[in-house]
């Protein structure tokens, strides 16, 4: 059976990690908006191609994103969708084009999210991401060259979370009102969260 899973959660909630684990476990596609846009950047829509917006540094408008996601889902034999829908109109569109087997919200407190995001450090040479608390490299040379990206600084993180809440609260409400939403505590270790997700999906 191919599963159709939607994973919701704030930046830092662990959506990317859990989506990859679920995709591997069930042999389904991990569909992210960014990947779908990059894979179809020259797809013609009545609003233009995604490339035309991306190269201008503009946000790709909802109707274009919607069409790209629709194609990605149609081509997938089962999927875990991560990073879409980002607002209510996208959520309503998604409900029209597919029947989801599971809609799961990874619930993580704001302070935990800030700690996870503001604690990230990047190795400018390799692009690897580390964390001051959970995943610090043993190599001292690597430790010394790690940097904090501007969008991981605490003030920026709090602003990103505020914008996320403003846009995505209506998405959470949309699926909750439909009786589809299951909330999973995302603050446990990743392997525990993964087991909880599987229990919901296989429920």
C-alpha atoms as a PDB file:
ATOM      1  CA  UNK A   1       0.000   0.000   0.000  1.00  0.00           C
ATOM      2  CA  UNK A   2       1.413   3.381  -0.930  1.00  0.00           C
ATOM      3  CA  UNK A   3       0.869   6.017   1.739  1.00  0.00           C
ATOM      4  CA  UNK A   4      -0.035   9.678   1.163  1.00  0.00           C
ATOM      5  CA  UNK A   5       1.289  11.560   4.163  1.00  0.00           C
ATOM      6  CA  UNK A   6       1.368  15.277   4.968  1.00  0.00           C
ATOM      7  CA  UNK A   7       3.857  16.344   7.638  1.00  0.00           C
ATOM      8  CA  UNK A   8       3.336  19.788   9.171  1.00  0.00           C
ATOM      9  CA  UNK A   9       5.506  21.641  11.661  1.00  0.00           C
ATOM     10  CA  UNK A  10       7.493  24.806  12.277  1.00  0.00           C
ATOM     11  CA  UNK A  11      11.050  25.364  11.047  1.00  0.00           C
ATOM     12  CA  UNK A  12      13.254  23.213  13.305  1.00  0.00           C
ATOM     13  CA  UNK A  13      10.464  20.754  14.186  1.00  0.00           C
ATOM     14  CA  UNK A  14      12.260  17.927  12.369  1.00  0.00           C
ATOM     15  CA  UNK A  15      10.048  17.610   9.271  1.00  0.00           C
ATOM     16  CA  UNK A  16      12.987  17.046   6.919  1.00  0.00           C
ATOM     17  CA  UNK A  17      14.583  14.339   9.077  1.00  0.00           C
ATOM     18  CA  UNK A  18      11.304  12.500   9.691  1.00  0.00           C
ATOM     19  CA  UNK A  19      10.164  12.806   6.064  1.00  0.00           C
ATOM     20  CA  UNK A  20      13.357  11.115   4.862  1.00  0.00           C
ATOM     21  CA  UNK A  21      12.923   8.305   7.417  1.00  0.00           C
ATOM     22  CA  UNK A  22       9.291   7.767   6.386  1.00  0.00           C
ATOM     23  CA  UNK A  23      10.119   7.850   2.669  1.00  0.00           C
ATOM     24  CA  UNK A  24      12.781   5.174   3.208  1.00  0.00           C
ATOM     25  CA  UNK A  25      10.595   3.072   5.511  1.00  0.00           C
ATOM     26  CA  UNK A  26       7.604   2.970   3.149  1.00  0.00           C
ATOM     27  CA  UNK A  27       9.355   3.259  -0.223  1.00  0.00           C
ATOM     28  CA  UNK A  28       7.526   6.489  -1.091  1.00  0.00           C
ATOM     29  CA  UNK A  29       8.674   9.855  -2.467  1.00  0.00           C
ATOM     30  CA  UNK A  30       9.792  12.696  -0.199  1.00  0.00           C
ATOM     31  CA  UNK A  31       8.162  15.692  -1.902  1.00  0.00           C
ATOM     32  CA  UNK A  32       9.318  19.170  -0.859  1.00  0.00           C
ATOM     33  CA  UNK A  33       8.196  22.398  -2.495  1.00  0.00           C
ATOM     34  CA  UNK A  34      11.798  23.450  -3.138  1.00  0.00           C
ATOM     35  CA  UNK A  35      12.729  20.171  -4.846  1.00  0.00           C
ATOM     36  CA  UNK A  36       9.514  20.153  -6.888  1.00  0.00           C
ATOM     37  CA  UNK A  37      10.130  23.735  -8.060  1.00  0.00           C
ATOM     38  CA  UNK A  38      13.756  23.017  -8.978  1.00  0.00           C
ATOM     39  CA  UNK A  39      12.772  19.841 -10.845  1.00  0.00           C
ATOM     40  CA  UNK A  40      10.074  21.675 -12.824  1.00  0.00           C
ATOM     41  CA  UNK A  41      11.481  25.186 -13.022  1.00  0.00           C
ATOM     42  CA  UNK A  42      10.753  25.471 -16.750  1.00  0.00           C
ATOM     43  CA  UNK A  43       7.209  24.112 -16.550  1.00  0.00           C
ATOM     44  CA  UNK A  44       4.869  26.470 -18.396  1.00  0.00           C
ATOM     45  CA  UNK A  45       1.893  27.710 -16.399  1.00  0.00           C
ATOM     46  CA  UNK A  46      -0.485  30.515 -17.289  1.00  0.00           C
ATOM     47  CA  UNK A  47       1.463  32.683 -14.824  1.00  0.00           C
ATOM     48  CA  UNK A  48       4.894  31.940 -16.311  1.00  0.00           C
ATOM     49  CA  UNK A  49       7.582  29.441 -15.319  1.00  0.00           C
ATOM     50  CA  UNK A  50       8.890  29.027 -11.752  1.00  0.00           C
ATOM     51  CA  UNK A  51      12.352  29.969 -13.106  1.00  0.00           C
ATOM     52  CA  UNK A  52      11.125  33.468 -14.061  1.00  0.00           C
ATOM     53  CA  UNK A  53      10.187  34.172 -10.415  1.00  0.00           C
ATOM     54  CA  UNK A  54      13.164  32.393  -8.855  1.00  0.00           C
ATOM     55  CA  UNK A  55      15.680  34.269 -11.005  1.00  0.00           C
ATOM     56  CA  UNK A  56      14.008  37.576 -10.154  1.00  0.00           C
ATOM     57  CA  UNK A  57      14.350  36.665  -6.455  1.00  0.00           C
ATOM     58  CA  UNK A  58      10.576  36.747  -6.037  1.00  0.00           C
ATOM     59  CA  UNK A  59       8.308  34.328  -4.228  1.00  0.00           C
ATOM     60  CA  UNK A  60       6.756  31.879  -6.650  1.00  0.00           C
ATOM     61  CA  UNK A  61       2.991  32.635  -6.563  1.00  0.00           C
ATOM     62  CA  UNK A  62       0.522  30.114  -5.137  1.00  0.00           C
ATOM     63  CA  UNK A  63      -1.076  29.054  -8.452  1.00  0.00           C
ATOM     64  CA  UNK A  64       2.347  28.131  -9.875  1.00  0.00           C
ATOM     65  CA  UNK A  65       3.420  26.284  -6.718  1.00  0.00           C
ATOM     66  CA  UNK A  66       0.061  24.477  -6.676  1.00  0.00           C
ATOM     67  CA  UNK A  67       0.469  23.233 -10.259  1.00  0.00           C
ATOM     68  CA  UNK A  68       4.033  22.062  -9.622  1.00  0.00           C
ATOM     69  CA  UNK A  69       3.028  20.197  -6.440  1.00  0.00           C
ATOM     70  CA  UNK A  70       0.067  18.617  -8.230  1.00  0.00           C
ATOM     71  CA  UNK A  71       2.395  17.222 -10.928  1.00  0.00           C
ATOM     72  CA  UNK A  72       4.871  15.951  -8.305  1.00  0.00           C
ATOM     73  CA  UNK A  73       2.095  14.148  -6.398  1.00  0.00           C
ATOM     74  CA  UNK A  74       0.589  12.656  -9.548  1.00  0.00           C
ATOM     75  CA  UNK A  75       3.991  11.248 -10.538  1.00  0.00           C
ATOM     76  CA  UNK A  76       4.679   9.796  -7.072  1.00  0.00           C
ATOM     77  CA  UNK A  77       3.682   6.290  -6.033  1.00  0.00           C
ATOM     78  CA  UNK A  78       2.925   7.375  -2.501  1.00  0.00           C
ATOM     79  CA  UNK A  79       4.518  10.413  -0.880  1.00  0.00           C
ATOM     80  CA  UNK A  80       5.380  12.284   2.269  1.00  0.00           C
ATOM     81  CA  UNK A  81       4.780  15.986   1.638  1.00  0.00           C
ATOM     82  CA  UNK A  82       7.011  18.408   3.544  1.00  0.00           C
ATOM     83  CA  UNK A  83       6.940  22.230   3.371  1.00  0.00           C
ATOM     84  CA  UNK A  84       3.564  22.550   1.631  1.00  0.00           C
ATOM     85  CA  UNK A  85       0.898  23.830   2.125  1.00  0.00           C
ATOM     86  CA  UNK A  86       2.213  27.083   3.577  1.00  0.00           C
ATOM     87  CA  UNK A  87      -1.077  28.965   3.713  1.00  0.00           C
ATOM     88  CA  UNK A  88      -4.826  28.391   3.751  1.00  0.00           C
ATOM     89  CA  UNK A  89      -5.403  28.666  -0.009  1.00  0.00           C
ATOM     90  CA  UNK A  90      -2.712  26.030  -0.652  1.00  0.00           C
ATOM     91  CA  UNK A  91      -4.270  23.795   2.025  1.00  0.00           C
ATOM     92  CA  UNK A  92      -7.711  24.085   0.416  1.00  0.00           C
ATOM     93  CA  UNK A  93      -6.198  23.300  -3.001  1.00  0.00           C
ATOM     94  CA  UNK A  94      -4.382  20.250  -1.622  1.00  0.00           C
ATOM     95  CA  UNK A  95      -7.627  18.921  -0.126  1.00  0.00           C
ATOM     96  CA  UNK A  96      -9.218  19.194  -3.587  1.00  0.00           C
ATOM     97  CA  UNK A  97      -6.502  17.335  -5.527  1.00  0.00           C
ATOM     98  CA  UNK A  98      -5.638  14.395  -3.266  1.00  0.00           C
ATOM     99  CA  UNK A  99      -6.967  12.225  -0.451  1.00  0.00           C
ATOM    100  CA  UNK A 100      -4.405  12.129   2.331  1.00  0.00           C
ATOM    101  CA  UNK A 101      -4.029   9.031   4.498  1.00  0.00           C
ATOM    102  CA  UNK A 102      -2.404  10.926   7.365  1.00  0.00           C
ATOM    103  CA  UNK A 103      -2.009  14.603   8.293  1.00  0.00           C
ATOM    104  CA  UNK A 104       0.475  14.883  11.143  1.00  0.00           C
ATOM    105  CA  UNK A 105       1.582  18.007  12.990  1.00  0.00           C
ATOM    106  CA  UNK A 106       4.943  17.808  14.779  1.00  0.00           C
ATOM    107  CA  UNK A 107       4.288  19.786  17.940  1.00  0.00           C
ATOM    108  CA  UNK A 108       7.416  21.470  19.323  1.00  0.00           C
ATOM    109  CA  UNK A 109       7.475  24.409  21.777  1.00  0.00           C
ATOM    110  CA  UNK A 110       8.838  27.764  20.641  1.00  0.00           C
ATOM    111  CA  UNK A 111      11.767  27.661  23.098  1.00  0.00           C
ATOM    112  CA  UNK A 112      12.801  24.219  21.846  1.00  0.00           C
ATOM    113  CA  UNK A 113      12.577  25.403  18.227  1.00  0.00           C
ATOM    114  CA  UNK A 114      14.699  28.470  18.998  1.00  0.00           C
ATOM    115  CA  UNK A 115      17.288  26.263  20.728  1.00  0.00           C
ATOM    116  CA  UNK A 116      17.414  23.868  17.781  1.00  0.00           C
ATOM    117  CA  UNK A 117      17.700  26.568  15.127  1.00  0.00           C
ATOM    118  CA  UNK A 118      19.894  29.103  16.923  1.00  0.00           C
ATOM    119  CA  UNK A 119      22.268  26.294  17.958  1.00  0.00           C
ATOM    120  CA  UNK A 120      23.015  25.284  14.362  1.00  0.00           C
ATOM    121  CA  UNK A 121      26.452  25.896  12.916  1.00  0.00           C
ATOM    122  CA  UNK A 122      27.613  25.378   9.346  1.00  0.00           C
ATOM    123  CA  UNK A 123      30.955  24.223   8.004  1.00  0.00           C
ATOM    124  CA  UNK A 124      31.607  26.729   5.180  1.00  0.00           C
ATOM    125  CA  UNK A 125      33.934  24.264   3.438  1.00  0.00           C
ATOM    126  CA  UNK A 126      31.560  21.280   3.244  1.00  0.00           C
ATOM    127  CA  UNK A 127      28.106  22.791   3.865  1.00  0.00           C
ATOM    128  CA  UNK A 128      27.587  20.242   6.691  1.00  0.00           C
ATOM    129  CA  UNK A 129      25.313  21.417   9.495  1.00  0.00           C
ATOM    130  CA  UNK A 130      26.245  20.743  13.127  1.00  0.00           C
ATOM    131  CA  UNK A 131      24.659  21.703  16.450  1.00  0.00           C
ATOM    132  CA  UNK A 132      26.350  23.128  19.531  1.00  0.00           C
ATOM    133  CA  UNK A 133      24.365  20.831  21.818  1.00  0.00           C
ATOM    134  CA  UNK A 134      23.351  17.717  19.876  1.00  0.00           C
ATOM    135  CA  UNK A 135      25.907  17.198  17.146  1.00  0.00           C
ATOM    136  CA  UNK A 136      29.281  18.844  17.698  1.00  0.00           C
ATOM    137  CA  UNK A 137      32.158  17.664  15.463  1.00  0.00           C
ATOM    138  CA  UNK A 138      35.120  15.969  17.160  1.00  0.00           C
ATOM    139  CA  UNK A 139      37.653  17.444  14.734  1.00  0.00           C
ATOM    140  CA  UNK A 140      39.014  20.660  16.271  1.00  0.00           C
ATOM    141  CA  UNK A 141      39.881  22.128  12.868  1.00  0.00           C
ATOM    142  CA  UNK A 142      36.240  21.713  11.859  1.00  0.00           C
ATOM    143  CA  UNK A 143      35.046  23.196  15.178  1.00  0.00           C
ATOM    144  CA  UNK A 144      37.127  26.318  14.616  1.00  0.00           C
ATOM    145  CA  UNK A 145      35.776  27.086  11.160  1.00  0.00           C
ATOM    146  CA  UNK A 146      32.076  26.600  11.955  1.00  0.00           C
ATOM    147  CA  UNK A 147      29.877  29.662  11.478  1.00  0.00           C
ATOM    148  CA  UNK A 148      26.333  30.617  12.376  1.00  0.00           C
ATOM    149  CA  UNK A 149      24.217  31.477   9.359  1.00  0.00           C
ATOM    150  CA  UNK A 150      22.410  34.819   9.527  1.00  0.00           C
ATOM    151  CA  UNK A 151      18.980  33.159   9.383  1.00  0.00           C
ATOM    152  CA  UNK A 152      19.886  30.990  12.402  1.00  0.00           C
ATOM    153  CA  UNK A 153      20.587  33.979  14.693  1.00  0.00           C
ATOM    154  CA  UNK A 154      18.091  34.111  17.550  1.00  0.00           C
ATOM    155  CA  UNK A 155      16.279  37.335  16.563  1.00  0.00           C
ATOM    156  CA  UNK A 156      15.906  36.082  12.992  1.00  0.00           C
ATOM    157  CA  UNK A 157      14.730  32.677  14.213  1.00  0.00           C
ATOM    158  CA  UNK A 158      12.003  34.258  16.370  1.00  0.00           C
ATOM    159  CA  UNK A 159      10.855  36.370  13.415  1.00  0.00           C
ATOM    160  CA  UNK A 160      10.805  33.296  11.126  1.00  0.00           C
ATOM    161  CA  UNK A 161       8.660  31.470  13.696  1.00  0.00           C
ATOM    162  CA  UNK A 162       6.294  34.457  14.006  1.00  0.00           C
ATOM    163  CA  UNK A 163       5.813  34.567  10.209  1.00  0.00           C
ATOM    164  CA  UNK A 164       5.384  30.780  10.139  1.00  0.00           C
ATOM    165  CA  UNK A 165       2.666  30.924  12.812  1.00  0.00           C
ATOM    166  CA  UNK A 166       0.856  33.775  11.074  1.00  0.00           C
ATOM    167  CA  UNK A 167       0.719  31.876   7.753  1.00  0.00           C
ATOM    168  CA  UNK A 168       0.407  28.316   8.936  1.00  0.00           C
ATOM    169  CA  UNK A 169      -2.000  28.491  11.893  1.00  0.00           C
ATOM    170  CA  UNK A 170      -4.919  28.625   9.404  1.00  0.00           C
ATOM    171  CA  UNK A 171      -3.490  25.506   7.684  1.00  0.00           C
ATOM    172  CA  UNK A 172      -3.421  23.617  10.996  1.00  0.00           C
ATOM    173  CA  UNK A 173      -6.998  24.785  11.713  1.00  0.00           C
ATOM    174  CA  UNK A 174      -8.135  23.714   8.219  1.00  0.00           C
ATOM    175  CA  UNK A 175      -7.054  20.118   8.764  1.00  0.00           C
ATOM    176  CA  UNK A 176      -8.138  20.085  12.415  1.00  0.00           C
ATOM    177  CA  UNK A 177     -11.629  21.292  11.460  1.00  0.00           C
ATOM    178  CA  UNK A 178     -11.847  18.500   8.872  1.00  0.00           C
ATOM    179  CA  UNK A 179     -10.997  15.994  11.607  1.00  0.00           C
ATOM    180  CA  UNK A 180      -7.835  14.919   9.774  1.00  0.00           C
ATOM    181  CA  UNK A 181      -5.110  16.336  11.995  1.00  0.00           C
ATOM    182  CA  UNK A 182      -3.113  14.170  14.397  1.00  0.00           C
ATOM    183  CA  UNK A 183      -0.638  15.938  16.686  1.00  0.00           C
ATOM    184  CA  UNK A 184       2.591  14.172  17.619  1.00  0.00           C
ATOM    185  CA  UNK A 185       5.010  15.415  20.283  1.00  0.00           C
ATOM    186  CA  UNK A 186       8.103  16.324  18.279  1.00  0.00           C
ATOM    187  CA  UNK A 187      10.362  17.030  21.272  1.00  0.00           C
ATOM    188  CA  UNK A 188      11.437  13.414  21.879  1.00  0.00           C
ATOM    189  CA  UNK A 189      14.622  11.970  20.298  1.00  0.00           C
ATOM    190  CA  UNK A 190      14.218  11.504  16.498  1.00  0.00           C
ATOM    191  CA  UNK A 191      13.917   7.697  16.707  1.00  0.00           C
ATOM    192  CA  UNK A 192      11.070   8.002  19.248  1.00  0.00           C
ATOM    193  CA  UNK A 193       9.265  10.587  17.118  1.00  0.00           C
ATOM    194  CA  UNK A 194       9.649   8.254  14.120  1.00  0.00           C
ATOM    195  CA  UNK A 195       8.021   5.371  16.032  1.00  0.00           C
ATOM    196  CA  UNK A 196       5.114   7.640  16.994  1.00  0.00           C
ATOM    197  CA  UNK A 197       4.657   8.708  13.383  1.00  0.00           C
ATOM    198  CA  UNK A 198       4.617   5.087  12.211  1.00  0.00           C
ATOM    199  CA  UNK A 199       2.009   4.245  14.866  1.00  0.00           C
ATOM    200  CA  UNK A 200      -0.260   7.020  13.507  1.00  0.00           C
ATOM    201  CA  UNK A 201       0.263   6.010   9.861  1.00  0.00           C
ATOM    202  CA  UNK A 202      -0.258   2.323  10.475  1.00  0.00           C
ATOM    203  CA  UNK A 203      -2.933   2.948  13.118  1.00  0.00           C
END
